[in-house]
Amino acid sequence: MKQCLLILGLSMMILLNPLFAQDKEASEGEEYSMPTALSDDAWYAWMAGEWEGETESTIGKMQDWMKCEFVLDNHFMIVHYTSKVVELNTEALQQMGMTAEQIEGMKDHLYKGMGIMTFDPQTGKSKDFWFDNYRAISEGSGTREGNISTGNWEGTMGTFKRTLEKVNDDEMVMNFKGFAPDGTTVINQGKTTMKRKALMGSNQ
């Protein structure tokens, strides 16, 4: 059961594909200058705020909430994420080897995660750290082109590939696919859609 819950958690990391900046050291005699604030980057400025939505995946359906905020003089972004299971794909979970009792235990499960995001201002590549309430730690990195960010996540449960698209100022869509540690077996795939909380009329 723990393995499947970790798979669920990695699926939710959704959205976040920027890690710690890897600025090149200034060469001898060259003056070092601080990078511009993350908040000056249009992509991160767009992500800032509260979001709500849902995920449909191999495992089932989830309701999602996310809050993104700048920290450390706006050079990093902290992401808080929760995802609640609302409907399980029992057949798929049984194929993963879960018992009826384990599947029952996943109902109304609340996943909690927190990410730290930034990007290397010289290469434009993003990198993230992700932590969750199963004490899992994962790393992600990726690139952006236009309104689409593409990235990869690596952790003890395997790898995830995902694309995050900015649909408009108040909507995002992520498609993801998770692979077992062998790198070829697909264990979960799906789609997450989110809108700014203010547009959802929610009191979460």
N, C-alpha and C. Protein backbone atom coordinates (compact mmCIF):
# COMPACT_ATOMS: atom_id res chain seq x y z
N MET A 1 0.83 -1.21 0.00
CA MET A 1 0.00 0.00 0.00
C MET A 1 0.86 1.25 0.00
N LYS A 2 1.92 1.22 0.81
CA LYS A 2 2.79 2.40 0.89
C LYS A 2 3.36 2.74 -0.47
N GLN A 3 3.73 1.69 -1.25
CA GLN A 3 4.29 1.93 -2.57
C GLN A 3 3.29 2.66 -3.46
N CYS A 4 2.04 2.23 -3.43
CA CYS A 4 1.03 2.86 -4.27
C CYS A 4 0.74 4.28 -3.83
N LEU A 5 0.76 4.53 -2.50
CA LEU A 5 0.52 5.89 -2.01
C LEU A 5 1.66 6.81 -2.42
N LEU A 6 2.88 6.30 -2.41
CA LEU A 6 4.01 7.11 -2.86
C LEU A 6 3.89 7.40 -4.34
N ILE A 7 3.40 6.43 -5.11
CA ILE A 7 3.17 6.66 -6.53
C ILE A 7 2.14 7.76 -6.71
N LEU A 8 1.08 7.73 -5.90
CA LEU A 8 0.07 8.78 -5.94
C LEU A 8 0.70 10.12 -5.62
N GLY A 9 1.55 10.13 -4.61
CA GLY A 9 2.19 11.38 -4.21
C GLY A 9 3.06 11.95 -5.30
N LEU A 10 3.85 11.11 -5.93
CA LEU A 10 4.71 11.59 -7.00
C LEU A 10 3.90 12.13 -8.16
N SER A 11 2.73 11.54 -8.38
CA SER A 11 1.87 12.02 -9.45
C SER A 11 1.43 13.45 -9.19
N MET A 12 1.20 13.77 -7.92
CA MET A 12 0.69 15.06 -7.56
C MET A 12 1.74 16.15 -7.64
N MET A 13 2.96 15.78 -7.69
CA MET A 13 4.01 16.78 -7.65
C MET A 13 3.93 17.64 -8.88
N ILE A 14 3.03 17.41 -9.34
CA ILE A 14 2.54 18.07 -10.45
C ILE A 14 3.04 19.27 -10.88
N LEU A 15 3.34 19.58 -11.06
CA LEU A 15 3.26 20.85 -11.63
C LEU A 15 4.57 21.58 -11.50
N LEU A 16 5.45 21.10 -10.88
CA LEU A 16 6.48 21.95 -10.37
C LEU A 16 7.80 21.54 -10.96
N ASN A 17 8.33 22.21 -11.81
CA ASN A 17 9.57 21.69 -12.36
C ASN A 17 10.68 22.68 -12.39
N PRO A 18 10.82 23.52 -11.68
CA PRO A 18 11.93 24.34 -11.56
C PRO A 18 12.80 23.90 -10.44
N LEU A 19 15.03 23.52 -9.26
CA LEU A 19 15.73 23.19 -8.05
C LEU A 19 16.69 24.30 -7.77
N PHE A 20 17.54 24.02 -7.06
CA PHE A 20 18.40 25.09 -6.62
C PHE A 20 19.23 25.61 -7.79
N ALA A 21 19.37 26.94 -7.84
CA ALA A 21 20.11 27.53 -8.95
C ALA A 21 21.56 27.05 -8.93
N GLN A 22 22.10 26.88 -10.10
CA GLN A 22 23.47 26.42 -10.22
C GLN A 22 24.27 27.48 -10.97
N ASP A 23 24.33 28.67 -10.40
CA ASP A 23 25.04 29.77 -11.04
C ASP A 23 26.50 29.41 -11.27
N LYS A 24 27.05 29.79 -12.40
CA LYS A 24 28.46 29.59 -12.65
C LYS A 24 29.27 30.55 -11.79
N GLU A 25 30.35 30.05 -11.23
CA GLU A 25 31.19 30.90 -10.43
C GLU A 25 31.87 31.93 -11.31
N ALA A 26 31.99 33.13 -10.79
CA ALA A 26 32.65 34.17 -11.55
C ALA A 26 34.12 33.81 -11.73
N SER A 27 34.63 33.95 -12.93
CA SER A 27 36.03 33.65 -13.17
C SER A 27 36.90 34.70 -12.49
N GLU A 28 38.16 34.39 -12.33
CA GLU A 28 39.07 35.27 -11.62
C GLU A 28 39.10 36.65 -12.27
N GLY A 29 38.90 37.67 -11.45
CA GLY A 29 38.91 39.03 -11.95
C GLY A 29 37.56 39.50 -12.46
N GLU A 30 36.60 38.59 -12.55
CA GLU A 30 35.28 38.96 -13.03
C GLU A 30 34.36 39.24 -11.85
N GLU A 31 33.69 40.35 -11.90
CA GLU A 31 32.83 40.75 -10.78
C GLU A 31 31.54 39.93 -10.80
N TYR A 32 31.19 39.40 -9.63
CA TYR A 32 29.96 38.60 -9.51
C TYR A 32 28.77 39.53 -9.32
N SER A 33 27.67 39.22 -9.97
CA SER A 33 26.45 40.01 -9.81
C SER A 33 25.31 39.08 -9.43
N MET A 34 24.45 39.54 -8.54
CA MET A 34 23.32 38.75 -8.10
C MET A 34 22.34 38.53 -9.26
N PRO A 35 21.76 37.34 -9.35
CA PRO A 35 20.74 37.11 -10.38
C PRO A 35 19.50 37.93 -10.07
N THR A 36 18.71 38.19 -11.09
CA THR A 36 17.47 38.91 -10.88
C THR A 36 16.50 38.05 -10.09
N ALA A 37 15.57 38.68 -9.42
CA ALA A 37 14.60 37.96 -8.59
C ALA A 37 13.74 37.03 -9.45
N LEU A 38 13.36 35.91 -8.85
CA LEU A 38 12.50 34.95 -9.54
C LEU A 38 11.16 35.59 -9.92
N SER A 39 10.73 36.54 -9.11
CA SER A 39 9.45 37.20 -9.36
C SER A 39 9.48 38.04 -10.64
N ASP A 40 10.69 38.31 -11.18
CA ASP A 40 10.80 39.06 -12.43
C ASP A 40 10.64 38.16 -13.65
N ASP A 41 10.63 36.85 -13.41
CA ASP A 41 10.42 35.90 -14.50
C ASP A 41 8.92 35.71 -14.71
N ALA A 42 8.47 35.88 -15.93
CA ALA A 42 7.03 35.86 -16.21
C ALA A 42 6.37 34.54 -15.82
N TRP A 43 7.09 33.43 -15.99
CA TRP A 43 6.51 32.13 -15.69
C TRP A 43 6.22 31.98 -14.20
N TYR A 44 7.20 32.33 -13.36
CA TYR A 44 7.02 32.19 -11.92
C TYR A 44 6.02 33.22 -11.39
N ALA A 45 6.04 34.40 -11.97
CA ALA A 45 5.07 35.41 -11.56
C ALA A 45 3.65 34.91 -11.84
N TRP A 46 3.48 34.19 -12.94
CA TRP A 46 2.17 33.62 -13.28
C TRP A 46 1.77 32.54 -12.28
N MET A 47 2.72 31.70 -11.87
CA MET A 47 2.39 30.60 -10.96
C MET A 47 2.04 31.07 -9.55
N ALA A 48 2.54 32.23 -9.14
CA ALA A 48 2.31 32.71 -7.78
C ALA A 48 0.82 32.84 -7.49
N GLY A 49 0.40 32.38 -6.30
CA GLY A 49 -0.99 32.47 -5.89
C GLY A 49 -1.55 31.13 -5.49
N GLU A 50 -2.87 31.07 -5.31
CA GLU A 50 -3.56 29.83 -4.94
C GLU A 50 -4.30 29.25 -6.13
N TRP A 51 -4.27 27.92 -6.23
CA TRP A 51 -4.89 27.22 -7.35
C TRP A 51 -5.71 26.05 -6.82
N GLU A 52 -6.75 25.70 -7.55
CA GLU A 52 -7.57 24.53 -7.23
C GLU A 52 -7.93 23.80 -8.51
N GLY A 53 -8.12 22.50 -8.40
CA GLY A 53 -8.49 21.73 -9.59
C GLY A 53 -8.66 20.27 -9.28
N GLU A 54 -8.44 19.44 -10.29
CA GLU A 54 -8.62 18.01 -10.12
C GLU A 54 -7.66 17.24 -11.02
N THR A 55 -7.41 16.01 -10.61
CA THR A 55 -6.55 15.11 -11.36
C THR A 55 -7.32 13.84 -11.70
N GLU A 56 -7.18 13.38 -12.92
CA GLU A 56 -7.69 12.09 -13.34
C GLU A 56 -6.51 11.26 -13.81
N SER A 57 -6.33 10.09 -13.20
CA SER A 57 -5.16 9.27 -13.52
C SER A 57 -5.53 7.80 -13.49
N THR A 58 -4.52 6.97 -13.70
CA THR A 58 -4.70 5.52 -13.64
C THR A 58 -5.28 5.12 -12.29
N ILE A 59 -4.85 5.79 -11.24
CA ILE A 59 -5.28 5.45 -9.88
C ILE A 59 -6.73 5.85 -9.62
N GLY A 60 -7.17 6.97 -10.19
CA GLY A 60 -8.52 7.44 -9.94
C GLY A 60 -8.62 8.95 -10.09
N LYS A 61 -9.50 9.57 -9.28
CA LYS A 61 -9.70 11.01 -9.34
C LYS A 61 -9.34 11.65 -8.00
N MET A 62 -8.71 12.84 -8.08
CA MET A 62 -8.31 13.57 -6.90
C MET A 62 -8.74 15.04 -7.01
N GLN A 63 -8.98 15.66 -5.86
CA GLN A 63 -9.20 17.11 -5.79
C GLN A 63 -7.92 17.73 -5.27
N ASP A 64 -7.44 18.77 -5.96
CA ASP A 64 -6.14 19.33 -5.67
C ASP A 64 -6.21 20.80 -5.26
N TRP A 65 -5.26 21.18 -4.40
CA TRP A 65 -5.08 22.58 -3.99
C TRP A 65 -3.60 22.88 -3.96
N MET A 66 -3.22 24.06 -4.42
CA MET A 66 -1.82 24.43 -4.46
C MET A 66 -1.66 25.92 -4.16
N LYS A 67 -0.61 26.25 -3.40
CA LYS A 67 -0.27 27.64 -3.13
C LYS A 67 1.19 27.86 -3.44
N CYS A 68 1.51 28.86 -4.26
CA CYS A 68 2.88 29.17 -4.65
C CYS A 68 3.22 30.57 -4.15
N GLU A 69 4.34 30.70 -3.44
CA GLU A 69 4.74 32.00 -2.93
C GLU A 69 6.25 32.16 -2.97
N PHE A 70 6.71 33.39 -3.17
CA PHE A 70 8.14 33.68 -3.24
C PHE A 70 8.74 33.80 -1.85
N VAL A 71 10.02 33.37 -1.73
CA VAL A 71 10.75 33.47 -0.46
C VAL A 71 12.20 33.85 -0.76
N LEU A 72 12.95 34.20 0.29
CA LEU A 72 14.37 34.53 0.19
C LEU A 72 14.62 35.61 -0.87
N ASP A 73 14.02 36.77 -0.59
CA ASP A 73 14.16 37.92 -1.50
C ASP A 73 13.70 37.57 -2.92
N ASN A 74 12.70 36.71 -3.00
CA ASN A 74 12.08 36.33 -4.28
C ASN A 74 13.00 35.54 -5.21
N HIS A 75 14.01 34.87 -4.65
CA HIS A 75 14.88 34.05 -5.49
C HIS A 75 14.46 32.59 -5.53
N PHE A 76 13.52 32.20 -4.67
CA PHE A 76 12.98 30.86 -4.68
C PHE A 76 11.46 30.93 -4.53
N MET A 77 10.80 29.86 -4.92
CA MET A 77 9.36 29.75 -4.75
C MET A 77 9.06 28.51 -3.91
N ILE A 78 8.24 28.69 -2.90
CA ILE A 78 7.76 27.57 -2.09
C ILE A 78 6.38 27.17 -2.59
N VAL A 79 6.18 25.88 -2.77
CA VAL A 79 4.89 25.37 -3.24
C VAL A 79 4.32 24.44 -2.19
N HIS A 80 3.10 24.72 -1.75
CA HIS A 80 2.37 23.84 -0.83
C HIS A 80 1.27 23.15 -1.63
N TYR A 81 1.12 21.84 -1.43
CA TYR A 81 0.20 21.07 -2.26
C TYR A 81 -0.56 20.04 -1.43
N THR A 82 -1.85 19.94 -1.64
CA THR A 82 -2.63 18.86 -1.04
C THR A 82 -3.50 18.24 -2.13
N SER A 83 -3.73 16.94 -2.00
CA SER A 83 -4.54 16.23 -2.98
C SER A 83 -5.36 15.17 -2.25
N LYS A 84 -6.66 15.21 -2.42
CA LYS A 84 -7.56 14.28 -1.74
C LYS A 84 -8.17 13.31 -2.73
N VAL A 85 -8.07 12.03 -2.42
CA VAL A 85 -8.68 11.00 -3.27
C VAL A 85 -10.20 11.09 -3.16
N VAL A 86 -10.88 11.18 -4.29
CA VAL A 86 -12.34 11.22 -4.28
C VAL A 86 -12.95 10.02 -5.00
N GLU A 87 -12.15 9.36 -5.85
CA GLU A 87 -12.66 8.18 -6.56
C GLU A 87 -11.47 7.31 -6.96
N LEU A 88 -11.53 6.03 -6.62
CA LEU A 88 -10.43 5.12 -6.92
C LEU A 88 -10.76 4.19 -8.08
N ASN A 89 -9.75 3.89 -8.88
CA ASN A 89 -9.87 2.92 -9.95
C ASN A 89 -9.51 1.56 -9.35
N THR A 90 -10.50 0.89 -8.79
CA THR A 90 -10.27 -0.35 -8.06
C THR A 90 -9.58 -1.41 -8.91
N GLU A 91 -10.00 -1.54 -10.16
CA GLU A 91 -9.42 -2.56 -11.03
C GLU A 91 -7.92 -2.32 -11.24
N ALA A 92 -7.55 -1.06 -11.48
CA ALA A 92 -6.14 -0.74 -11.71
C ALA A 92 -5.31 -1.01 -10.46
N LEU A 93 -5.87 -0.67 -9.29
CA LEU A 93 -5.14 -0.88 -8.04
C LEU A 93 -4.99 -2.37 -7.74
N GLN A 94 -5.99 -3.15 -8.08
CA GLN A 94 -5.89 -4.60 -7.89
C GLN A 94 -4.80 -5.18 -8.79
N GLN A 95 -4.67 -4.64 -10.00
CA GLN A 95 -3.64 -5.10 -10.92
C GLN A 95 -2.25 -4.75 -10.39
N MET A 96 -2.18 -3.72 -9.55
CA MET A 96 -0.91 -3.36 -8.92
C MET A 96 -0.58 -4.27 -7.75
N GLY A 97 -1.53 -5.14 -7.39
CA GLY A 97 -1.29 -6.08 -6.31
C GLY A 97 -1.87 -5.66 -4.97
N MET A 98 -2.71 -4.63 -4.95
CA MET A 98 -3.29 -4.18 -3.69
C MET A 98 -4.49 -5.03 -3.31
N THR A 99 -4.64 -5.26 -2.02
CA THR A 99 -5.79 -6.02 -1.51
C THR A 99 -6.99 -5.09 -1.34
N ALA A 100 -8.16 -5.69 -1.12
CA ALA A 100 -9.37 -4.90 -0.91
C ALA A 100 -9.23 -4.00 0.31
N GLU A 101 -8.57 -4.50 1.36
CA GLU A 101 -8.37 -3.70 2.57
C GLU A 101 -7.46 -2.52 2.31
N GLN A 102 -6.41 -2.73 1.53
CA GLN A 102 -5.49 -1.65 1.22
C GLN A 102 -6.18 -0.57 0.37
N ILE A 103 -7.00 -1.02 -0.58
CA ILE A 103 -7.72 -0.07 -1.42
C ILE A 103 -8.70 0.74 -0.57
N GLU A 104 -9.37 0.07 0.35
CA GLU A 104 -10.31 0.77 1.24
C GLU A 104 -9.58 1.82 2.05
N GLY A 105 -8.35 1.51 2.46
CA GLY A 105 -7.57 2.45 3.26
C GLY A 105 -7.15 3.69 2.50
N MET A 106 -7.18 3.64 1.17
CA MET A 106 -6.81 4.79 0.36
C MET A 106 -7.94 5.78 0.19
N LYS A 107 -9.17 5.36 0.48
CA LYS A 107 -10.31 6.25 0.29
C LYS A 107 -10.20 7.46 1.21
N ASP A 108 -10.50 8.61 0.67
CA ASP A 108 -10.44 9.89 1.39
C ASP A 108 -9.02 10.20 1.86
N HIS A 109 -8.02 9.55 1.25
CA HIS A 109 -6.63 9.82 1.62
C HIS A 109 -6.25 11.25 1.26
N LEU A 110 -5.52 11.92 2.15
CA LEU A 110 -5.06 13.29 1.91
C LEU A 110 -3.55 13.29 1.77
N TYR A 111 -3.09 13.59 0.57
CA TYR A 111 -1.66 13.69 0.31
C TYR A 111 -1.22 15.14 0.53
N LYS A 112 -0.06 15.33 1.18
CA LYS A 112 0.48 16.67 1.40
C LYS A 112 1.92 16.70 0.91
N GLY A 113 2.26 17.75 0.17
CA GLY A 113 3.62 17.89 -0.33
C GLY A 113 4.07 19.34 -0.29
N MET A 114 5.38 19.54 -0.34
CA MET A 114 5.95 20.88 -0.36
C MET A 114 7.17 20.88 -1.27
N GLY A 115 7.27 21.88 -2.14
CA GLY A 115 8.38 21.95 -3.07
C GLY A 115 9.15 23.26 -2.95
N ILE A 116 10.42 23.22 -3.36
CA ILE A 116 11.27 24.40 -3.43
C ILE A 116 11.71 24.53 -4.89
N MET A 117 11.45 25.68 -5.51
CA MET A 117 11.66 25.83 -6.93
C MET A 117 12.55 27.03 -7.26
N THR A 118 13.34 26.89 -8.30
CA THR A 118 14.09 28.02 -8.86
C THR A 118 14.63 27.59 -10.21
N PHE A 119 15.49 28.43 -10.83
CA PHE A 119 16.12 28.03 -12.08
C PHE A 119 17.47 28.72 -12.21
N ASP A 120 18.32 28.13 -13.03
CA ASP A 120 19.64 28.66 -13.29
C ASP A 120 19.49 29.80 -14.29
N PRO A 121 19.77 31.04 -13.90
CA PRO A 121 19.57 32.17 -14.81
C PRO A 121 20.48 32.13 -16.03
N GLN A 122 21.56 31.35 -16.01
CA GLN A 122 22.46 31.30 -17.15
C GLN A 122 22.07 30.23 -18.16
N THR A 123 21.52 29.13 -17.69
CA THR A 123 21.12 28.06 -18.61
C THR A 123 19.62 28.06 -18.87
N GLY A 124 18.85 28.66 -17.96
CA GLY A 124 17.40 28.66 -18.09
C GLY A 124 16.77 27.37 -17.62
N LYS A 125 17.58 26.39 -17.20
CA LYS A 125 17.04 25.11 -16.74
C LYS A 125 16.53 25.23 -15.31
N SER A 126 15.41 24.60 -15.06
CA SER A 126 14.81 24.62 -13.73
C SER A 126 15.22 23.38 -12.95
N LYS A 127 15.06 23.48 -11.63
CA LYS A 127 15.35 22.34 -10.78
C LYS A 127 14.55 22.49 -9.50
N ASP A 128 14.01 21.37 -8.99
CA ASP A 128 13.16 21.40 -7.80
C ASP A 128 13.56 20.34 -6.79
N PHE A 129 13.20 20.59 -5.56
CA PHE A 129 13.18 19.56 -4.53
C PHE A 129 11.72 19.39 -4.10
N TRP A 130 11.32 18.16 -3.82
CA TRP A 130 9.94 17.90 -3.39
C TRP A 130 9.96 16.98 -2.17
N PHE A 131 9.17 17.34 -1.15
CA PHE A 131 9.06 16.57 0.10
C PHE A 131 7.58 16.32 0.35
N ASP A 132 7.24 15.18 0.98
CA ASP A 132 5.83 14.93 1.24
C ASP A 132 5.60 14.25 2.58
N ASN A 133 4.32 14.00 2.90
CA ASN A 133 3.97 13.44 4.20
C ASN A 133 4.22 11.94 4.31
N TYR A 134 4.95 11.38 3.33
CA TYR A 134 5.47 10.02 3.46
C TYR A 134 6.99 10.05 3.60
N ARG A 135 7.52 11.24 3.86
CA ARG A 135 8.94 11.50 4.02
C ARG A 135 9.73 11.12 2.76
N ALA A 136 9.07 11.18 1.62
CA ALA A 136 9.76 10.95 0.34
C ALA A 136 10.42 12.24 -0.11
N ILE A 137 11.57 12.12 -0.76
CA ILE A 137 12.28 13.26 -1.31
C ILE A 137 12.57 12.97 -2.78
N SER A 138 12.19 13.89 -3.65
CA SER A 138 12.41 13.72 -5.08
C SER A 138 13.05 14.97 -5.66
N GLU A 139 13.67 14.81 -6.81
CA GLU A 139 14.31 15.93 -7.51
C GLU A 139 13.75 16.03 -8.92
N GLY A 140 13.60 17.27 -9.38
CA GLY A 140 13.09 17.49 -10.72
C GLY A 140 13.89 18.56 -11.43
N SER A 141 13.94 18.49 -12.74
CA SER A 141 14.59 19.52 -13.54
C SER A 141 13.93 19.54 -14.91
N GLY A 142 14.06 20.68 -15.59
CA GLY A 142 13.41 20.76 -16.89
C GLY A 142 13.68 22.06 -17.60
N THR A 143 13.00 22.27 -18.71
CA THR A 143 13.16 23.46 -19.54
C THR A 143 11.79 24.00 -19.94
N ARG A 144 11.78 25.23 -20.42
CA ARG A 144 10.54 25.84 -20.88
C ARG A 144 10.70 26.34 -22.31
N GLU A 145 9.61 26.27 -23.04
CA GLU A 145 9.56 26.85 -24.37
C GLU A 145 8.16 27.40 -24.58
N GLY A 146 8.07 28.71 -24.71
CA GLY A 146 6.76 29.33 -24.84
C GLY A 146 5.93 29.13 -23.59
N ASN A 147 4.71 28.64 -23.74
CA ASN A 147 3.81 28.43 -22.62
C ASN A 147 3.84 27.01 -22.08
N ILE A 148 4.88 26.24 -22.41
CA ILE A 148 4.96 24.84 -21.97
C ILE A 148 6.29 24.58 -21.28
N SER A 149 6.19 23.98 -20.10
CA SER A 149 7.36 23.55 -19.34
C SER A 149 7.41 22.02 -19.38
N THR A 150 8.57 21.47 -19.70
CA THR A 150 8.75 20.03 -19.76
C THR A 150 9.79 19.61 -18.75
N GLY A 151 9.51 18.58 -17.97
CA GLY A 151 10.47 18.19 -16.95
C GLY A 151 10.43 16.73 -16.57
N ASN A 152 11.42 16.34 -15.79
CA ASN A 152 11.56 14.97 -15.30
C ASN A 152 11.79 14.98 -13.80
N TRP A 153 11.21 14.00 -13.12
CA TRP A 153 11.38 13.83 -11.68
C TRP A 153 12.00 12.48 -11.40
N GLU A 154 12.88 12.43 -10.41
CA GLU A 154 13.50 11.18 -10.03
C GLU A 154 13.40 10.98 -8.53
N GLY A 155 13.03 9.77 -8.12
CA GLY A 155 12.92 9.43 -6.71
C GLY A 155 13.06 7.94 -6.52
N THR A 156 12.89 7.49 -5.29
CA THR A 156 13.08 6.07 -4.99
C THR A 156 12.01 5.19 -5.64
N MET A 157 10.86 5.78 -5.98
CA MET A 157 9.79 4.99 -6.56
C MET A 157 9.87 4.90 -8.08
N GLY A 158 10.84 5.61 -8.69
CA GLY A 158 10.93 5.60 -10.14
C GLY A 158 11.05 7.00 -10.68
N THR A 159 10.60 7.20 -11.91
CA THR A 159 10.71 8.51 -12.55
C THR A 159 9.36 8.95 -13.10
N PHE A 160 9.21 10.27 -13.21
CA PHE A 160 8.00 10.84 -13.80
C PHE A 160 8.39 11.86 -14.85
N LYS A 161 7.67 11.86 -15.93
CA LYS A 161 7.82 12.87 -16.97
C LYS A 161 6.52 13.67 -17.02
N ARG A 162 6.65 14.98 -17.20
CA ARG A 162 5.44 15.77 -17.25
C ARG A 162 5.61 17.03 -18.08
N THR A 163 4.50 17.49 -18.62
CA THR A 163 4.47 18.78 -19.29
C THR A 163 3.43 19.64 -18.60
N LEU A 164 3.76 20.90 -18.35
CA LEU A 164 2.86 21.85 -17.73
C LEU A 164 2.61 22.98 -18.71
N GLU A 165 1.35 23.20 -19.04
CA GLU A 165 0.99 24.22 -20.02
C GLU A 165 0.23 25.36 -19.37
N LYS A 166 0.64 26.58 -19.67
CA LYS A 166 -0.10 27.77 -19.27
C LYS A 166 -1.18 27.99 -20.32
N VAL A 167 -2.42 27.67 -19.95
CA VAL A 167 -3.54 27.82 -20.88
C VAL A 167 -3.87 29.30 -21.03
N ASN A 168 -3.96 29.99 -19.90
CA ASN A 168 -4.15 31.43 -19.87
C ASN A 168 -3.69 31.92 -18.50
N ASP A 169 -3.92 33.18 -18.18
CA ASP A 169 -3.43 33.73 -16.92
C ASP A 169 -3.98 33.02 -15.70
N ASP A 170 -5.13 32.36 -15.83
CA ASP A 170 -5.79 31.77 -14.67
C ASP A 170 -6.06 30.28 -14.79
N GLU A 171 -5.39 29.62 -15.71
CA GLU A 171 -5.62 28.18 -15.88
C GLU A 171 -4.34 27.47 -16.33
N MET A 172 -4.09 26.29 -15.77
CA MET A 172 -2.95 25.47 -16.15
C MET A 172 -3.39 24.02 -16.34
N VAL A 173 -2.67 23.29 -17.19
CA VAL A 173 -2.95 21.88 -17.44
C VAL A 173 -1.63 21.12 -17.43
N MET A 174 -1.60 20.01 -16.69
CA MET A 174 -0.42 19.17 -16.65
C MET A 174 -0.76 17.76 -17.10
N ASN A 175 0.08 17.19 -17.95
CA ASN A 175 0.00 15.78 -18.31
C ASN A 175 1.24 15.09 -17.77
N PHE A 176 1.07 13.93 -17.17
CA PHE A 176 2.20 13.25 -16.56
C PHE A 176 2.14 11.74 -16.82
N LYS A 177 3.33 11.13 -16.74
CA LYS A 177 3.44 9.69 -16.89
C LYS A 177 4.53 9.21 -15.93
N GLY A 178 4.21 8.21 -15.12
CA GLY A 178 5.15 7.68 -14.15
C GLY A 178 5.65 6.31 -14.53
N PHE A 179 6.95 6.08 -14.30
CA PHE A 179 7.58 4.81 -14.65
C PHE A 179 8.15 4.15 -13.41
N ALA A 180 8.10 2.82 -13.36
CA ALA A 180 8.71 2.05 -12.29
C ALA A 180 10.22 2.21 -12.36
N PRO A 181 10.94 1.77 -11.30
CA PRO A 181 12.40 1.90 -11.31
C PRO A 181 13.10 1.28 -12.51
N ASP A 182 12.42 0.35 -13.24
CA ASP A 182 13.06 -0.23 -14.42
C ASP A 182 13.12 0.76 -15.58
N GLY A 183 12.39 1.88 -15.45
CA GLY A 183 12.45 2.93 -16.45
C GLY A 183 11.56 2.74 -17.65
N THR A 184 10.85 1.61 -17.74
CA THR A 184 10.01 1.34 -18.91
C THR A 184 8.56 1.04 -18.56
N THR A 185 8.32 0.42 -17.40
CA THR A 185 6.96 0.04 -17.01
C THR A 185 6.19 1.26 -16.52
N VAL A 186 5.07 1.58 -17.19
CA VAL A 186 4.24 2.72 -16.79
C VAL A 186 3.38 2.31 -15.60
N ILE A 187 3.48 3.06 -14.50
CA ILE A 187 2.71 2.72 -13.31
C ILE A 187 1.56 3.69 -13.06
N ASN A 188 1.63 4.87 -13.66
CA ASN A 188 0.53 5.83 -13.49
C ASN A 188 0.68 6.92 -14.53
N GLN A 189 -0.43 7.35 -15.08
CA GLN A 189 -0.42 8.48 -16.00
C GLN A 189 -1.76 9.18 -15.91
N GLY A 190 -1.75 10.47 -16.23
CA GLY A 190 -2.99 11.20 -16.13
C GLY A 190 -2.84 12.66 -16.46
N LYS A 191 -3.83 13.43 -16.02
CA LYS A 191 -3.92 14.85 -16.37
C LYS A 191 -4.46 15.63 -15.18
N THR A 192 -3.85 16.77 -14.90
CA THR A 192 -4.29 17.67 -13.84
C THR A 192 -4.68 19.00 -14.45
N THR A 193 -5.83 19.51 -14.08
CA THR A 193 -6.25 20.85 -14.52
C THR A 193 -6.48 21.70 -13.28
N MET A 194 -6.02 22.96 -13.34
CA MET A 194 -6.16 23.86 -12.19
C MET A 194 -6.53 25.27 -12.65
N LYS A 195 -7.29 25.94 -11.78
CA LYS A 195 -7.64 27.34 -11.99
C LYS A 195 -7.34 28.12 -10.72
N ARG A 196 -7.17 29.40 -10.86
CA ARG A 196 -6.91 30.23 -9.68
C ARG A 196 -8.07 30.10 -8.71
N LYS A 197 -7.77 30.02 -7.43
CA LYS A 197 -8.78 29.80 -6.42
C LYS A 197 -9.89 30.83 -6.47
N ALA A 198 -9.54 32.07 -6.72
CA ALA A 198 -10.55 33.14 -6.74
C ALA A 198 -11.63 32.88 -7.77
N LEU A 199 -11.29 32.12 -8.83
CA LEU A 199 -12.25 31.82 -9.88
C LEU A 199 -13.11 30.62 -9.55
N MET A 200 -12.70 29.84 -8.53
CA MET A 200 -13.40 28.61 -8.20
C MET A 200 -14.53 28.83 -7.19
N GLY A 201 -14.52 29.97 -6.51
CA GLY A 201 -15.53 30.24 -5.51
C GLY A 201 -15.45 29.31 -4.33
N SER A 202 -14.22 28.89 -3.96
CA SER A 202 -14.04 27.91 -2.89
C SER A 202 -13.65 28.59 -1.59
N ASN A 203 -13.95 27.90 -0.49
CA ASN A 203 -13.56 28.39 0.83
C ASN A 203 -12.51 27.51 1.46
N GLN A 204 -11.82 26.71 0.62
CA GLN A 204 -10.81 25.78 1.18
C GLN A 204 -9.70 26.55 1.89
